[in-house]
Amino acid sequence: MQGLHIVPIPPVKKYLRKYVQFGIDLYKGNNYYVPPLFFDEVNTFLPDKNPAFEFCKAQSFLAVRDGKTVGRITAIINDAVNKKTDSKVVRFGFVDFIDDDEVVDGLFGAVIRWGKEHGMTEIAGPLGFSDMDPEGMLIDGFDEMGTMATIYNYPYYPAHMQRMGYVKDTDWIEFRMTVPEGIPEKYMRIADIVKRRFNLHIVDIKSRKWVKENYGRAIFELINEAYKDLYGFVALTDGQINYYIDMYLGMLRLEDVCLIADSDDNLVGVGISMPSLSKALRKSGGKLFPFGWYHILKAIRGGSDVVDLLLVAIKPEYQGKGVNALLFSTLIPNYIANGYKFAESNVELEDNENVQKQWEYFERRQHRRRRAWKKEI
């Protein structure tokens, strides 16, 4: 094929492997990009693998010029979010492209046309199928190592968004904390008060299997409660909860997890973290074979001095009451024992002051900012 063609691709592994591989190849030689886990990324686009297709529909596109792939994008309609927010938004996500106006315009034009065909009146992103997917285009922090849970993109991406007339919908920020040599004194005092006042206790975690069987569903039900008012979030379905229990809880390093329960053993707080897999994924190219599994397993077993704070969820009636202090006063000694020197927060909405307050007693710097863009169509 001569010239530029925007090609819709079916949700078939053969084509999706090419789609995912382009997103990796584009950053070859970049010192900060972290590839996704390849098979996991492919499964994200398969309706029989990703339970988000219960309430989403999607169409992926490749930009091909003279037989060479030069861009990719996925159009997503999340009916659950649109119903909750009374909107008609087509999302764009998993977007990557060379620095070329024609390519960029072609990709976004395809999403807009597809969205209009389905009755949508606005486009927004980058967003995934659900809030559990990476979201937000990097607009600051291009010289910072990415994480497995976030998007990395070149500095020319936001310039193209502005050129096309997209405006800010919301921003997320991220922090890098120094793991302290001991628990901050104020954290210890607050943790002790909270524990006694609300009769809370730290759950004694026995094994990964035990966590899955006894608290797996409760963890994600708590996430539904804690995150219900956040941008773009809708409650995880039973199918999604089962999917994430199987996907994530089997990978946990138990000393990096904290569960807080009340006197009736009801879960009121959860903190899930794990050793950073960023360097391991870079070495493996996102693939387990032939030797990628070794790098990833080594990182999980303690080969990293960075811990990724994947999620913190506190039951709404306990938010702002110091439960976070109890959570981190439990985790910090484990972080120290495991040799972590730094901690990476996950993305936090810029106006989520309650979440950001939990870092105020740590040496920290806000080192990345990412944006969701929007435009009427």
Protein backbone atom coordinates (compact mmCIF):
# COMPACT_ATOMS: atom_id res chain seq x y z
CA MET A 1 0.00 0.00 0.00
CA GLN A 2 1.28 3.43 -0.93
CA GLY A 3 0.54 6.50 1.17
CA LEU A 4 -1.12 6.56 4.60
CA HIS A 5 -3.93 4.15 5.48
CA ILE A 6 -5.83 3.95 8.78
CA VAL A 7 -6.67 0.27 9.13
CA PRO A 8 -9.29 -1.08 11.56
CA ILE A 9 -8.03 -4.31 13.07
CA PRO A 10 -10.15 -7.16 14.45
CA PRO A 11 -9.76 -8.41 18.03
CA VAL A 12 -7.60 -11.34 16.94
CA LYS A 13 -4.25 -12.20 18.53
CA LYS A 14 -2.40 -12.20 15.21
CA TYR A 15 -3.20 -8.53 14.61
CA LEU A 16 -3.14 -7.46 18.26
CA ARG A 17 0.44 -8.69 18.67
CA LYS A 18 1.45 -6.31 15.88
CA TYR A 19 -0.57 -3.54 17.54
CA VAL A 20 1.12 -4.03 20.93
CA GLN A 21 4.58 -4.51 19.41
CA PHE A 22 4.41 -1.15 17.64
CA GLY A 23 3.87 0.57 21.00
CA ILE A 24 7.08 -1.08 22.24
CA ASP A 25 9.19 -0.58 19.12
CA LEU A 26 8.42 3.15 18.97
CA TYR A 27 10.39 3.67 22.20
CA LYS A 28 13.41 1.56 21.31
CA GLY A 29 16.47 3.28 22.77
CA ASN A 30 14.43 5.51 25.08
CA ASN A 31 15.84 5.42 28.62
CA TYR A 32 12.56 6.06 30.45
CA TYR A 33 9.90 3.96 28.70
CA VAL A 34 8.66 0.82 30.46
CA PRO A 35 6.93 -1.73 28.19
CA PRO A 36 3.74 -3.46 29.30
CA LEU A 37 3.64 -7.17 30.01
CA PHE A 38 3.07 -8.25 26.41
CA PHE A 39 0.55 -11.07 26.82
CA ASP A 40 -1.44 -9.05 29.36
CA GLU A 41 -1.68 -6.12 26.96
CA VAL A 42 -2.87 -8.36 24.12
CA ASN A 43 -5.54 -9.90 26.37
CA THR A 44 -6.85 -6.43 27.20
CA PHE A 45 -8.27 -6.16 23.67
CA LEU A 46 -9.86 -9.63 23.55
CA PRO A 47 -13.58 -9.71 24.44
CA ASP A 48 -13.30 -13.29 25.73
CA LYS A 49 -10.45 -12.29 28.08
CA ASN A 50 -11.31 -8.78 29.30
CA PRO A 51 -14.58 -8.64 31.31
CA ALA A 52 -14.81 -4.87 30.69
CA PHE A 53 -16.35 -5.81 27.34
CA GLU A 54 -19.51 -6.55 29.36
CA PHE A 55 -20.15 -2.80 29.24
CA CYS A 56 -17.63 -1.54 26.66
CA LYS A 57 -17.30 -1.70 22.91
CA ALA A 58 -14.10 -0.90 21.11
CA GLN A 59 -12.32 -0.64 17.78
CA SER A 60 -8.56 -0.51 17.35
CA PHE A 61 -6.77 1.11 14.41
CA LEU A 62 -3.28 0.96 12.95
CA ALA A 63 -1.80 3.75 10.85
CA VAL A 64 0.19 2.21 7.98
CA ARG A 65 2.30 4.20 5.53
CA ASP A 66 3.96 2.49 2.60
CA GLY A 67 3.61 -0.85 4.34
CA LYS A 68 5.14 0.32 7.64
CA THR A 69 3.19 0.81 10.88
CA VAL A 70 3.48 4.42 12.05
CA GLY A 71 0.74 4.73 14.67
CA ARG A 72 -1.98 3.03 16.69
CA ILE A 73 -5.09 3.99 18.66
CA THR A 74 -8.14 2.35 20.21
CA ALA A 75 -11.62 3.84 20.31
CA ILE A 76 -13.64 2.79 23.37
CA ILE A 77 -17.19 3.46 24.45
CA ASN A 78 -17.69 2.74 28.15
CA ASP A 79 -21.46 2.57 28.43
CA ALA A 80 -21.35 2.31 32.23
CA VAL A 81 -19.41 5.58 32.65
CA ASN A 82 -21.53 7.35 30.04
CA LYS A 83 -24.70 6.27 31.85
CA LYS A 84 -23.33 7.35 35.23
CA THR A 85 -22.24 10.77 33.95
CA ASP A 86 -25.11 11.24 31.49
CA SER A 87 -22.64 11.80 28.66
CA LYS A 88 -21.85 10.51 25.18
CA VAL A 89 -18.09 10.15 25.23
CA VAL A 90 -15.91 8.05 22.99
CA ARG A 91 -12.59 7.38 24.67
CA PHE A 92 -9.26 7.13 22.91
CA GLY A 93 -6.59 4.99 24.50
CA PHE A 94 -3.43 2.94 23.93
CA VAL A 95 -2.35 5.65 21.52
CA ASP A 96 1.14 5.92 20.02
CA PHE A 97 2.39 7.63 16.89
CA ILE A 98 5.38 9.06 15.12
CA ASP A 99 5.75 12.84 15.12
CA ASP A 100 3.71 13.47 11.98
CA ASP A 101 0.59 15.63 11.57
CA GLU A 102 -0.97 13.44 8.89
CA VAL A 103 -0.58 10.29 10.98
CA VAL A 104 -1.97 11.89 14.13
CA ASP A 105 -4.91 13.49 12.33
CA GLY A 106 -5.68 10.19 10.62
CA LEU A 107 -5.73 8.21 13.85
CA PHE A 108 -7.87 10.65 15.81
CA GLY A 109 -10.13 11.19 12.80
CA ALA A 110 -10.83 7.45 12.75
CA VAL A 111 -11.83 7.46 16.43
CA ILE A 112 -14.06 10.49 15.93
CA ARG A 113 -15.83 8.94 12.95
CA TRP A 114 -16.35 5.68 14.80
CA GLY A 115 -17.64 7.56 17.83
CA LYS A 116 -20.09 9.58 15.78
CA GLU A 117 -21.36 6.41 14.12
CA HIS A 118 -22.26 5.22 17.62
CA GLY A 119 -23.96 8.47 18.61
CA MET A 120 -21.13 10.02 20.64
CA THR A 121 -20.73 13.80 20.90
CA GLU A 122 -17.39 14.12 22.72
CA ILE A 123 -13.96 12.49 22.67
CA ALA A 124 -11.71 12.14 25.75
CA GLY A 125 -8.54 10.36 26.74
CA PRO A 126 -6.16 8.72 26.88
CA LEU A 127 -8.34 6.38 28.92
CA GLY A 128 -8.64 2.61 28.99
CA PHE A 129 -11.59 0.29 29.19
CA SER A 130 -11.85 0.92 32.93
CA ASP A 131 -10.08 2.80 35.69
CA MET A 132 -7.83 -0.22 36.21
CA ASP A 133 -6.09 0.46 32.87
CA PRO A 134 -3.30 3.05 32.50
CA GLU A 135 -4.67 6.52 31.81
CA GLY A 136 -3.46 10.05 31.24
CA MET A 137 -0.97 11.44 28.72
CA LEU A 138 2.37 12.44 30.20
CA ILE A 139 2.83 16.22 29.98
CA ASP A 140 5.67 16.66 32.50
CA GLY A 141 8.37 14.25 33.72
CA PHE A 142 9.64 12.89 30.41
CA ASP A 143 13.08 12.27 31.93
CA GLU A 144 11.72 10.11 34.77
CA MET A 145 11.61 6.31 34.60
CA GLY A 146 8.04 5.14 34.03
CA THR A 147 6.19 2.44 35.96
CA MET A 148 4.32 -0.67 34.86
CA ALA A 149 1.00 0.96 35.83
CA THR A 150 1.38 4.20 33.86
CA ILE A 151 1.71 5.52 30.33
CA TYR A 152 4.93 6.92 28.93
CA ASN A 153 4.91 9.07 25.80
CA TYR A 154 7.20 11.43 23.94
CA PRO A 155 7.07 15.22 24.58
CA TYR A 156 5.60 15.81 21.11
CA TYR A 157 2.33 14.07 22.05
CA PRO A 158 0.74 16.95 24.04
CA ALA A 159 1.83 19.42 21.36
CA HIS A 160 -0.26 17.50 18.83
CA MET A 161 -3.25 17.48 21.20
CA GLN A 162 -3.11 21.25 21.51
CA ARG A 163 -2.67 21.63 17.76
CA MET A 164 -5.87 19.61 17.19
CA GLY A 165 -7.85 21.78 19.61
CA TYR A 166 -8.09 19.41 22.58
CA VAL A 167 -8.34 20.96 26.05
CA LYS A 168 -7.66 19.74 29.57
CA ASP A 169 -10.31 17.53 31.15
CA THR A 170 -8.36 16.57 34.27
CA ASP A 171 -4.76 16.08 35.46
CA TRP A 172 -3.11 13.42 37.60
CA ILE A 173 0.13 13.91 39.51
CA GLU A 174 2.67 11.42 40.87
CA PHE A 175 5.20 11.54 43.70
CA ARG A 176 8.52 9.85 44.43
CA MET A 177 9.13 9.44 48.15
CA THR A 178 12.28 8.55 50.02
CA VAL A 179 11.65 5.57 52.31
CA PRO A 180 12.50 6.89 55.80
CA GLU A 181 14.94 5.17 58.16
CA GLY A 182 12.08 4.69 60.64
CA ILE A 183 8.37 5.35 61.04
CA PRO A 184 7.73 9.13 61.33
CA GLU A 185 6.90 9.87 64.97
CA LYS A 186 3.64 11.61 64.14
CA TYR A 187 2.56 8.63 62.05
CA MET A 188 3.17 6.35 65.03
CA ARG A 189 1.08 8.53 67.34
CA ILE A 190 -1.79 8.84 64.86
CA ALA A 191 -1.71 5.11 64.10
CA ASP A 192 -1.96 4.22 67.78
CA ILE A 193 -4.85 6.62 68.35
CA VAL A 194 -6.77 5.41 65.30
CA LYS A 195 -6.26 1.77 66.19
CA ARG A 196 -7.71 2.24 69.67
CA ARG A 197 -10.46 4.73 68.79
CA PHE A 198 -12.01 2.61 66.05
CA ASN A 199 -11.00 -0.81 67.39
CA LEU A 200 -9.07 -1.65 64.22
CA HIS A 201 -6.46 -4.32 63.69
CA ILE A 202 -3.94 -5.39 61.06
CA VAL A 203 -5.00 -8.60 59.35
CA ASP A 204 -2.52 -11.43 59.80
CA ILE A 205 -1.92 -12.51 56.20
CA LYS A 206 -1.14 -16.20 55.96
CA SER A 207 -0.56 -16.80 52.23
CA ARG A 208 -1.47 -15.52 48.78
CA LYS A 209 -4.08 -18.24 48.47
CA TRP A 210 -5.48 -17.28 51.86
CA VAL A 211 -5.76 -13.63 50.82
CA LYS A 212 -7.56 -14.58 47.59
CA GLU A 213 -10.02 -16.85 49.37
CA ASN A 214 -10.71 -14.70 52.44
CA TYR A 215 -10.26 -11.10 51.28
CA GLY A 216 -10.02 -11.14 47.47
CA ARG A 217 -13.58 -10.04 46.84
CA ALA A 218 -13.60 -7.70 49.84
CA ILE A 219 -10.53 -5.85 48.52
CA PHE A 220 -12.19 -4.99 45.23
CA GLU A 221 -15.54 -4.22 46.84
CA LEU A 222 -13.67 -1.75 49.05
CA ILE A 223 -12.08 -0.24 45.93
CA ASN A 224 -15.59 0.22 44.50
CA GLU A 225 -16.61 2.13 47.62
CA ALA A 226 -13.45 4.20 48.00
CA TYR A 227 -13.09 5.20 44.34
CA LYS A 228 -16.77 5.67 43.44
CA ASP A 229 -16.54 9.46 43.03
CA LEU A 230 -13.23 9.58 41.14
CA TYR A 231 -12.97 10.74 37.55
CA GLY A 232 -13.99 8.06 35.05
CA PHE A 233 -14.63 5.35 37.65
CA VAL A 234 -17.58 2.99 37.78
CA ALA A 235 -17.96 0.02 40.09
CA LEU A 236 -16.12 -3.11 39.04
CA THR A 237 -18.48 -5.90 38.01
CA ASP A 238 -18.39 -9.41 39.43
CA GLY A 239 -16.64 -10.52 36.26
CA GLN A 240 -13.96 -7.86 36.64
CA ILE A 241 -13.47 -8.61 40.33
CA ASN A 242 -12.90 -12.30 39.59
CA TYR A 243 -10.56 -11.34 36.74
CA TYR A 244 -8.42 -9.04 38.89
CA ILE A 245 -8.35 -11.46 41.82
CA ASP A 246 -6.84 -14.09 39.52
CA MET A 247 -4.55 -11.65 37.73
CA TYR A 248 -3.04 -9.66 40.56
CA LEU A 249 -3.41 -11.31 43.94
CA GLY A 250 -1.30 -14.30 42.93
CA MET A 251 1.67 -11.96 42.27
CA LEU A 252 1.67 -10.23 45.63
CA ARG A 253 4.67 -10.09 47.88
CA LEU A 254 2.84 -10.45 51.18
CA GLU A 255 5.10 -8.16 53.23
CA ASP A 256 4.23 -5.34 50.80
CA VAL A 257 0.50 -5.66 51.48
CA CYS A 258 -1.48 -4.32 54.43
CA LEU A 259 -5.10 -5.08 55.25
CA ILE A 260 -6.92 -3.25 58.04
CA ALA A 261 -10.15 -4.61 59.50
CA ASP A 262 -12.64 -3.60 62.19
CA SER A 263 -13.73 -5.65 65.21
CA ASP A 264 -16.05 -7.71 62.99
CA ASP A 265 -13.22 -8.44 60.55
CA ASN A 266 -14.78 -6.20 57.90
CA LEU A 267 -12.14 -4.66 55.66
CA VAL A 268 -11.81 -0.89 56.12
CA GLY A 269 -8.42 -0.22 54.52
CA VAL A 270 -6.06 -1.81 52.04
CA GLY A 271 -2.60 -0.91 50.79
CA ILE A 272 -1.12 -2.94 47.95
CA SER A 273 2.43 -2.35 46.82
CA MET A 274 5.08 -4.41 45.10
CA PRO A 275 8.70 -4.15 44.04
CA SER A 276 9.10 -2.00 40.95
CA LEU A 277 9.17 -4.10 37.80
CA SER A 278 10.24 -1.16 35.60
CA LYS A 279 13.85 -2.23 35.05
CA ALA A 280 12.87 -5.90 34.72
CA LEU A 281 10.27 -5.11 32.06
CA ARG A 282 12.79 -2.97 30.18
CA LYS A 283 15.29 -5.85 30.18
CA SER A 284 12.66 -8.33 29.05
CA GLY A 285 10.98 -6.09 26.46
CA GLY A 286 7.71 -6.93 28.19
CA LYS A 287 7.95 -10.61 27.27
CA LEU A 288 8.33 -13.60 29.57
CA PHE A 289 10.25 -15.76 27.12
CA PRO A 290 12.92 -16.75 26.60
CA PHE A 291 14.52 -15.01 29.61
CA GLY A 292 12.10 -12.24 30.62
CA TRP A 293 10.60 -14.37 33.39
CA TYR A 294 13.98 -14.42 35.13
CA HIS A 295 14.25 -10.62 35.34
CA ILE A 296 10.64 -10.24 36.49
CA LEU A 297 10.87 -13.02 39.09
CA LYS A 298 14.13 -11.57 40.42
CA ALA A 299 12.47 -8.15 40.85
CA ILE A 300 9.43 -9.63 42.61
CA ARG A 301 11.70 -11.54 45.00
CA GLY A 302 13.53 -8.40 46.03
CA GLY A 303 15.82 -7.25 43.26
CA SER A 304 14.62 -3.64 43.30
CA ASP A 305 15.26 -0.69 45.61
CA VAL A 306 11.98 0.96 44.52
CA VAL A 307 8.51 -0.04 45.71
CA ASP A 308 5.45 0.87 43.64
CA LEU A 309 2.41 1.90 45.67
CA LEU A 310 -0.20 0.36 43.39
CA LEU A 311 -3.30 1.30 45.35
CA VAL A 312 -4.52 2.59 48.67
CA ALA A 313 -8.23 2.35 49.44
CA ILE A 314 -9.94 3.42 52.66
CA LYS A 315 -13.62 2.87 53.40
CA PRO A 316 -15.37 6.26 52.92
CA GLU A 317 -16.50 6.64 56.55
CA TYR A 318 -12.88 6.22 57.69
CA GLN A 319 -11.30 8.59 55.18
CA GLY A 320 -9.50 11.59 56.65
CA LYS A 321 -9.35 9.96 60.10
CA GLY A 322 -5.79 8.69 60.10
CA VAL A 323 -6.25 5.15 58.83
CA ASN A 324 -3.56 5.83 56.21
CA ALA A 325 -1.08 6.41 59.06
CA LEU A 326 -1.92 3.00 60.49
CA LEU A 327 -1.44 1.45 57.08
CA PHE A 328 1.99 2.96 56.40
CA SER A 329 3.23 2.55 59.96
CA THR A 330 2.75 -1.17 59.27
CA LEU A 331 4.35 -1.16 55.82
CA ILE A 332 7.37 1.10 56.42
CA PRO A 333 9.30 -1.40 58.60
CA ASN A 334 8.78 -4.00 55.87
CA TYR A 335 9.99 -1.57 53.21
CA ILE A 336 13.12 -0.89 55.25
CA ALA A 337 13.73 -4.62 55.82
CA ASN A 338 13.30 -5.32 52.09
CA GLY A 339 15.91 -2.69 51.14
CA TYR A 340 13.57 -0.24 49.42
CA LYS A 341 15.04 3.25 49.18
CA PHE A 342 12.27 4.95 47.22
CA ALA A 343 8.51 4.63 46.78
CA GLU A 344 6.51 5.58 43.69
CA SER A 345 2.95 6.74 44.20
CA ASN A 346 0.41 5.75 41.64
CA VAL A 347 -1.48 8.46 39.73
CA GLU A 348 -3.51 10.81 41.92
CA LEU A 349 -6.04 13.34 40.72
CA GLU A 350 -4.51 16.77 41.19
CA ASP A 351 -7.41 17.95 43.38
CA ASN A 352 -7.47 14.82 45.59
CA GLU A 353 -6.08 16.53 48.68
CA ASN A 354 -6.95 13.67 51.04
CA VAL A 355 -4.67 11.29 49.15
CA GLN A 356 -1.83 13.79 48.85
CA LYS A 357 -1.90 14.60 52.58
CA GLN A 358 -0.72 11.09 53.36
CA TRP A 359 2.70 11.93 51.92
CA GLU A 360 3.26 15.14 53.92
CA TYR A 361 5.51 13.49 56.52
CA PHE A 362 7.84 12.01 53.90
CA GLU A 363 10.68 13.51 51.89
CA ARG A 364 9.11 13.67 48.45
CA ARG A 365 8.97 15.36 45.09
CA GLN A 366 6.15 15.64 42.60
CA HIS A 367 7.89 14.38 39.47
CA ARG A 368 5.26 13.55 36.86
CA ARG A 369 2.02 15.05 35.60
CA ARG A 370 -0.35 13.54 33.08
CA ARG A 371 -3.54 14.75 31.42
CA ALA A 372 -6.84 13.56 30.05
CA TRP A 373 -7.86 15.68 27.07
CA LYS A 374 -11.32 16.31 25.65
CA LYS A 375 -13.01 17.83 22.63
CA GLU A 376 -16.50 18.07 21.22
CA ILE A 377 -17.03 16.16 18.00
